[in-house]
Amino acid sequence: MQNQLFQQAKQMVGKLTNQNSFNEQDKEVARQAIQAAYTNATAEEQQELQQLEQQLAQENELK
């Protein structure tokens, strides 16, 4: 069974990185989704969540 929180976190970061601009609230929601997804994530999913966190941080620096 797929981890739904993991999928939601992945989708949120994807949407944010595809937008030209996003606000602090959007970024915080994405961070919270990533943290929530860690709860039931497999080791592979945890690695991908770490990458999503890095991607979000990089986007934050660029904007």
PDB file of N, CA and C in Angstrom:
ATOM      1  N   MET A   1       0.837  -1.189   0.000  1.00  0.00           N
ATOM      2  CA  MET A   1       0.000   0.000   0.000  1.00  0.00           C
ATOM      3  C   MET A   1       0.878   1.247   0.000  1.00  0.00           C
ATOM      4  N   GLN A   2       0.528   2.185  -0.825  1.00  0.00           N
ATOM      5  CA  GLN A   2       1.301   3.419  -0.912  1.00  0.00           C
ATOM      6  C   GLN A   2       1.045   4.300   0.298  1.00  0.00           C
ATOM      7  N   ASN A   3       2.066   4.973   0.703  1.00  0.00           N
ATOM      8  CA  ASN A   3       1.958   5.925   1.791  1.00  0.00           C
ATOM      9  C   ASN A   3       1.333   7.197   1.239  1.00  0.00           C
ATOM     10  N   GLN A   4       0.080   7.466   1.608  1.00  0.00           N
ATOM     11  CA  GLN A   4      -0.628   8.621   1.054  1.00  0.00           C
ATOM     12  C   GLN A   4       0.015   9.933   1.476  1.00  0.00           C
ATOM     13  N   LEU A   5       0.511  10.015   2.699  1.00  0.00           N
ATOM     14  CA  LEU A   5       1.159  11.244   3.148  1.00  0.00           C
ATOM     15  C   LEU A   5       2.399  11.512   2.310  1.00  0.00           C
ATOM     16  N   PHE A   6       3.114  10.459   1.974  1.00  0.00           N
ATOM     17  CA  PHE A   6       4.299  10.584   1.137  1.00  0.00           C
ATOM     18  C   PHE A   6       3.908  11.143  -0.233  1.00  0.00           C
ATOM     19  N   GLN A   7       2.870  10.584  -0.817  1.00  0.00           N
ATOM     20  CA  GLN A   7       2.420  11.033  -2.136  1.00  0.00           C
ATOM     21  C   GLN A   7       1.950  12.492  -2.089  1.00  0.00           C
ATOM     22  N   GLN A   8       1.247  12.861  -1.028  1.00  0.00           N
ATOM     23  CA  GLN A   8       0.770  14.237  -0.900  1.00  0.00           C
ATOM     24  C   GLN A   8       1.945  15.206  -0.775  1.00  0.00           C
ATOM     25  N   ALA A   9       2.931  14.841   0.034  1.00  0.00           N
ATOM     26  CA  ALA A   9       4.108  15.700   0.201  1.00  0.00           C
ATOM     27  C   ALA A   9       4.821  15.891  -1.133  1.00  0.00           C
ATOM     28  N   LYS A  10       4.956  14.795  -1.850  1.00  0.00           N
ATOM     29  CA  LYS A  10       5.631  14.827  -3.151  1.00  0.00           C
ATOM     30  C   LYS A  10       4.883  15.748  -4.127  1.00  0.00           C
ATOM     31  N   GLN A  11       3.565  15.641  -4.136  1.00  0.00           N
ATOM     32  CA  GLN A  11       2.753  16.466  -5.022  1.00  0.00           C
ATOM     33  C   GLN A  11       2.840  17.939  -4.643  1.00  0.00           C
ATOM     34  N   MET A  12       2.817  18.227  -3.345  1.00  0.00           N
ATOM     35  CA  MET A  12       2.869  19.620  -2.894  1.00  0.00           C
ATOM     36  C   MET A  12       4.172  20.286  -3.300  1.00  0.00           C
ATOM     37  N   VAL A  13       5.284  19.606  -3.094  1.00  0.00           N
ATOM     38  CA  VAL A  13       6.577  20.184  -3.460  1.00  0.00           C
ATOM     39  C   VAL A  13       6.657  20.348  -4.972  1.00  0.00           C
ATOM     40  N   GLY A  14       6.140  19.383  -5.698  1.00  0.00           N
ATOM     41  CA  GLY A  14       6.123  19.492  -7.160  1.00  0.00           C
ATOM     42  C   GLY A  14       5.342  20.700  -7.634  1.00  0.00           C
ATOM     43  N   LYS A  15       4.185  20.937  -7.043  1.00  0.00           N
ATOM     44  CA  LYS A  15       3.377  22.092  -7.422  1.00  0.00           C
ATOM     45  C   LYS A  15       4.098  23.390  -7.086  1.00  0.00           C
ATOM     46  N   LEU A  16       4.709  23.440  -5.914  1.00  0.00           N
ATOM     47  CA  LEU A  16       5.397  24.665  -5.506  1.00  0.00           C
ATOM     48  C   LEU A  16       6.573  24.979  -6.408  1.00  0.00           C
ATOM     49  N   THR A  17       7.317  23.968  -6.775  1.00  0.00           N
ATOM     50  CA  THR A  17       8.499  24.216  -7.590  1.00  0.00           C
ATOM     51  C   THR A  17       8.129  24.560  -9.036  1.00  0.00           C
ATOM     52  N   ASN A  18       6.922  24.216  -9.448  1.00  0.00           N
ATOM     53  CA  ASN A  18       6.482  24.559 -10.802  1.00  0.00           C
ATOM     54  C   ASN A  18       5.865  25.947 -10.883  1.00  0.00           C
ATOM     55  N   GLN A  19       5.535  26.530  -9.744  1.00  0.00           N
ATOM     56  CA  GLN A  19       4.952  27.869  -9.726  1.00  0.00           C
ATOM     57  C   GLN A  19       6.056  28.912  -9.784  1.00  0.00           C
ATOM     58  N   ASN A  20       5.728  30.054 -10.313  1.00  0.00           N
ATOM     59  CA  ASN A  20       6.697  31.140 -10.365  1.00  0.00           C
ATOM     60  C   ASN A  20       6.913  31.774  -9.008  1.00  0.00           C
ATOM     61  N   SER A  21       5.875  31.781  -8.202  1.00  0.00           N
ATOM     62  CA  SER A  21       6.016  32.338  -6.863  1.00  0.00           C
ATOM     63  C   SER A  21       5.071  31.608  -5.921  1.00  0.00           C
ATOM     64  N   PHE A  22       5.489  31.523  -4.688  1.00  0.00           N
ATOM     65  CA  PHE A  22       4.638  30.933  -3.665  1.00  0.00           C
ATOM     66  C   PHE A  22       4.961  31.607  -2.347  1.00  0.00           C
ATOM     67  N   ASN A  23       3.987  31.607  -1.456  1.00  0.00           N
ATOM     68  CA  ASN A  23       4.152  32.360  -0.220  1.00  0.00           C
ATOM     69  C   ASN A  23       4.654  31.478   0.927  1.00  0.00           C
ATOM     70  N   GLU A  24       4.931  32.105   2.036  1.00  0.00           N
ATOM     71  CA  GLU A  24       5.456  31.397   3.209  1.00  0.00           C
ATOM     72  C   GLU A  24       4.491  30.332   3.701  1.00  0.00           C
ATOM     73  N   GLN A  25       3.204  30.599   3.618  1.00  0.00           N
ATOM     74  CA  GLN A  25       2.209  29.632   4.071  1.00  0.00           C
ATOM     75  C   GLN A  25       2.277  28.362   3.225  1.00  0.00           C
ATOM     76  N   ASP A  26       2.412  28.520   1.919  1.00  0.00           N
ATOM     77  CA  ASP A  26       2.538  27.364   1.028  1.00  0.00           C
ATOM     78  C   ASP A  26       3.763  26.531   1.395  1.00  0.00           C
ATOM     79  N   LYS A  27       4.874  27.217   1.625  1.00  0.00           N
ATOM     80  CA  LYS A  27       6.111  26.506   1.973  1.00  0.00           C
ATOM     81  C   LYS A  27       5.978  25.779   3.303  1.00  0.00           C
ATOM     82  N   GLU A  28       5.319  26.412   4.264  1.00  0.00           N
ATOM     83  CA  GLU A  28       5.149  25.793   5.577  1.00  0.00           C
ATOM     84  C   GLU A  28       4.255  24.559   5.479  1.00  0.00           C
ATOM     85  N   VAL A  29       3.201  24.646   4.696  1.00  0.00           N
ATOM     86  CA  VAL A  29       2.307  23.493   4.503  1.00  0.00           C
ATOM     87  C   VAL A  29       3.085  22.336   3.876  1.00  0.00           C
ATOM     88  N   ALA A  30       3.921  22.643   2.908  1.00  0.00           N
ATOM     89  CA  ALA A  30       4.729  21.606   2.263  1.00  0.00           C
ATOM     90  C   ALA A  30       5.700  20.986   3.271  1.00  0.00           C
ATOM     91  N   ARG A  31       6.333  21.823   4.102  1.00  0.00           N
ATOM     92  CA  ARG A  31       7.256  21.308   5.128  1.00  0.00           C
ATOM     93  C   ARG A  31       6.527  20.383   6.099  1.00  0.00           C
ATOM     94  N   GLN A  32       5.339  20.794   6.512  1.00  0.00           N
ATOM     95  CA  GLN A  32       4.557  19.980   7.440  1.00  0.00           C
ATOM     96  C   GLN A  32       4.142  18.653   6.806  1.00  0.00           C
ATOM     97  N   ALA A  33       3.787  18.697   5.532  1.00  0.00           N
ATOM     98  CA  ALA A  33       3.409  17.471   4.824  1.00  0.00           C
ATOM     99  C   ALA A  33       4.593  16.513   4.751  1.00  0.00           C
ATOM    100  N   ILE A  34       5.775  17.052   4.510  1.00  0.00           N
ATOM    101  CA  ILE A  34       6.980  16.223   4.453  1.00  0.00           C
ATOM    102  C   ILE A  34       7.228  15.588   5.814  1.00  0.00           C
ATOM    103  N   GLN A  35       7.141  16.378   6.872  1.00  0.00           N
ATOM    104  CA  GLN A  35       7.382  15.852   8.216  1.00  0.00           C
ATOM    105  C   GLN A  35       6.358  14.778   8.592  1.00  0.00           C
ATOM    106  N   ALA A  36       5.101  15.001   8.245  1.00  0.00           N
ATOM    107  CA  ALA A  36       4.055  14.025   8.534  1.00  0.00           C
ATOM    108  C   ALA A  36       4.295  12.721   7.775  1.00  0.00           C
ATOM    109  N   ALA A  37       4.815  12.832   6.563  1.00  0.00           N
ATOM    110  CA  ALA A  37       5.043  11.654   5.725  1.00  0.00           C
ATOM    111  C   ALA A  37       6.146  10.765   6.289  1.00  0.00           C
ATOM    112  N   TYR A  38       7.084  11.337   7.041  1.00  0.00           N
ATOM    113  CA  TYR A  38       8.164  10.543   7.630  1.00  0.00           C
ATOM    114  C   TYR A  38       7.630   9.453   8.558  1.00  0.00           C
ATOM    115  N   THR A  39       6.471   9.676   9.166  1.00  0.00           N
ATOM    116  CA  THR A  39       5.919   8.768  10.164  1.00  0.00           C
ATOM    117  C   THR A  39       5.825   7.327   9.664  1.00  0.00           C
ATOM    118  N   ASN A  40       5.269   7.140   8.491  1.00  0.00           N
ATOM    119  CA  ASN A  40       5.057   5.786   7.970  1.00  0.00           C
ATOM    120  C   ASN A  40       5.880   5.486   6.727  1.00  0.00           C
ATOM    121  N   ALA A  41       6.898   6.288   6.493  1.00  0.00           N
ATOM    122  CA  ALA A  41       7.682   6.135   5.267  1.00  0.00           C
ATOM    123  C   ALA A  41       8.656   4.964   5.361  1.00  0.00           C
ATOM    124  N   THR A  42       8.839   4.307   4.238  1.00  0.00           N
ATOM    125  CA  THR A  42       9.866   3.276   4.140  1.00  0.00           C
ATOM    126  C   THR A  42      11.218   3.975   4.046  1.00  0.00           C
ATOM    127  N   ALA A  43      12.282   3.205   4.128  1.00  0.00           N
ATOM    128  CA  ALA A  43      13.624   3.788   4.026  1.00  0.00           C
ATOM    129  C   ALA A  43      13.799   4.502   2.688  1.00  0.00           C
ATOM    130  N   GLU A  44      13.286   3.908   1.628  1.00  0.00           N
ATOM    131  CA  GLU A  44      13.379   4.517   0.296  1.00  0.00           C
ATOM    132  C   GLU A  44      12.590   5.822   0.241  1.00  0.00           C
ATOM    133  N   GLU A  45      11.399   5.812   0.823  1.00  0.00           N
ATOM    134  CA  GLU A  45      10.580   7.021   0.841  1.00  0.00           C
ATOM    135  C   GLU A  45      11.243   8.106   1.688  1.00  0.00           C
ATOM    136  N   GLN A  46      11.887   7.717   2.781  1.00  0.00           N
ATOM    137  CA  GLN A  46      12.571   8.690   3.622  1.00  0.00           C
ATOM    138  C   GLN A  46      13.687   9.387   2.846  1.00  0.00           C
ATOM    139  N   GLN A  47      14.400   8.639   2.030  1.00  0.00           N
ATOM    140  CA  GLN A  47      15.436   9.253   1.204  1.00  0.00           C
ATOM    141  C   GLN A  47      14.822  10.266   0.243  1.00  0.00           C
ATOM    142  N   GLU A  48      13.710   9.892  -0.351  1.00  0.00           N
ATOM    143  CA  GLU A  48      13.055  10.796  -1.294  1.00  0.00           C
ATOM    144  C   GLU A  48      12.500  12.020  -0.572  1.00  0.00           C
ATOM    145  N   LEU A  49      12.019  11.839   0.647  1.00  0.00           N
ATOM    146  CA  LEU A  49      11.534  12.974   1.430  1.00  0.00           C
ATOM    147  C   LEU A  49      12.675  13.938   1.747  1.00  0.00           C
ATOM    148  N   GLN A  50      13.838  13.397   2.027  1.00  0.00           N
ATOM    149  CA  GLN A  50      15.005  14.252   2.265  1.00  0.00           C
ATOM    150  C   GLN A  50      15.330  15.062   1.015  1.00  0.00           C
ATOM    151  N   GLN A  51      15.219  14.427  -0.141  1.00  0.00           N
ATOM    152  CA  GLN A  51      15.461  15.130  -1.401  1.00  0.00           C
ATOM    153  C   GLN A  51      14.418  16.225  -1.621  1.00  0.00           C
ATOM    154  N   LEU A  52      13.172  15.935  -1.243  1.00  0.00           N
ATOM    155  CA  LEU A  52      12.121  16.942  -1.377  1.00  0.00           C
ATOM    156  C   LEU A  52      12.399  18.136  -0.467  1.00  0.00           C
ATOM    157  N   GLU A  53      12.880  17.855   0.747  1.00  0.00           N
ATOM    158  CA  GLU A  53      13.231  18.947   1.660  1.00  0.00           C
ATOM    159  C   GLU A  53      14.343  19.804   1.070  1.00  0.00           C
ATOM    160  N   GLN A  54      15.326  19.161   0.482  1.00  0.00           N
ATOM    161  CA  GLN A  54      16.425  19.898  -0.140  1.00  0.00           C
ATOM    162  C   GLN A  54      15.925  20.716  -1.318  1.00  0.00           C
ATOM    163  N   GLN A  55      15.055  20.135  -2.107  1.00  0.00           N
ATOM    164  CA  GLN A  55      14.495  20.831  -3.261  1.00  0.00           C
ATOM    165  C   GLN A  55      13.711  22.054  -2.802  1.00  0.00           C
ATOM    166  N   LEU A  56      12.922  21.897  -1.754  1.00  0.00           N
ATOM    167  CA  LEU A  56      12.152  23.007  -1.224  1.00  0.00           C
ATOM    168  C   LEU A  56      13.080  24.101  -0.694  1.00  0.00           C
ATOM    169  N   ALA A  57      14.145  23.718  -0.026  1.00  0.00           N
ATOM    170  CA  ALA A  57      15.115  24.685   0.499  1.00  0.00           C
ATOM    171  C   ALA A  57      15.794  25.428  -0.646  1.00  0.00           C
ATOM    172  N   GLN A  58      16.145  24.739  -1.704  1.00  0.00           N
ATOM    173  CA  GLN A  58      16.780  25.376  -2.856  1.00  0.00           C
ATOM    174  C   GLN A  58      15.824  26.370  -3.515  1.00  0.00           C
ATOM    175  N   GLU A  59      14.587  25.973  -3.665  1.00  0.00           N
ATOM    176  CA  GLU A  59      13.593  26.878  -4.253  1.00  0.00           C
ATOM    177  C   GLU A  59      13.433  28.117  -3.381  1.00  0.00           C
ATOM    178  N   ASN A  60      13.477  27.900  -2.085  1.00  0.00           N
ATOM    179  CA  ASN A  60      13.333  28.996  -1.139  1.00  0.00           C
ATOM    180  C   ASN A  60      14.476  29.994  -1.296  1.00  0.00           C
ATOM    181  N   GLU A  61      15.675  29.506  -1.548  1.00  0.00           N
ATOM    182  CA  GLU A  61      16.829  30.367  -1.731  1.00  0.00           C
ATOM    183  C   GLU A  61      16.762  31.144  -3.043  1.00  0.00           C
ATOM    184  N   LEU A  62      16.171  30.537  -4.054  1.00  0.00           N
ATOM    185  CA  LEU A  62      16.105  31.162  -5.380  1.00  0.00           C
ATOM    186  C   LEU A  62      15.016  32.217  -5.459  1.00  0.00           C
ATOM    187  N   LYS A  63      13.997  32.105  -4.666  1.00  0.00           N
ATOM    188  CA  LYS A  63      12.843  33.009  -4.765  1.00  0.00           C
ATOM    189  C   LYS A  63      13.026  34.205  -3.856  1.00  0.00           C
TER     190      LYS A  63
END
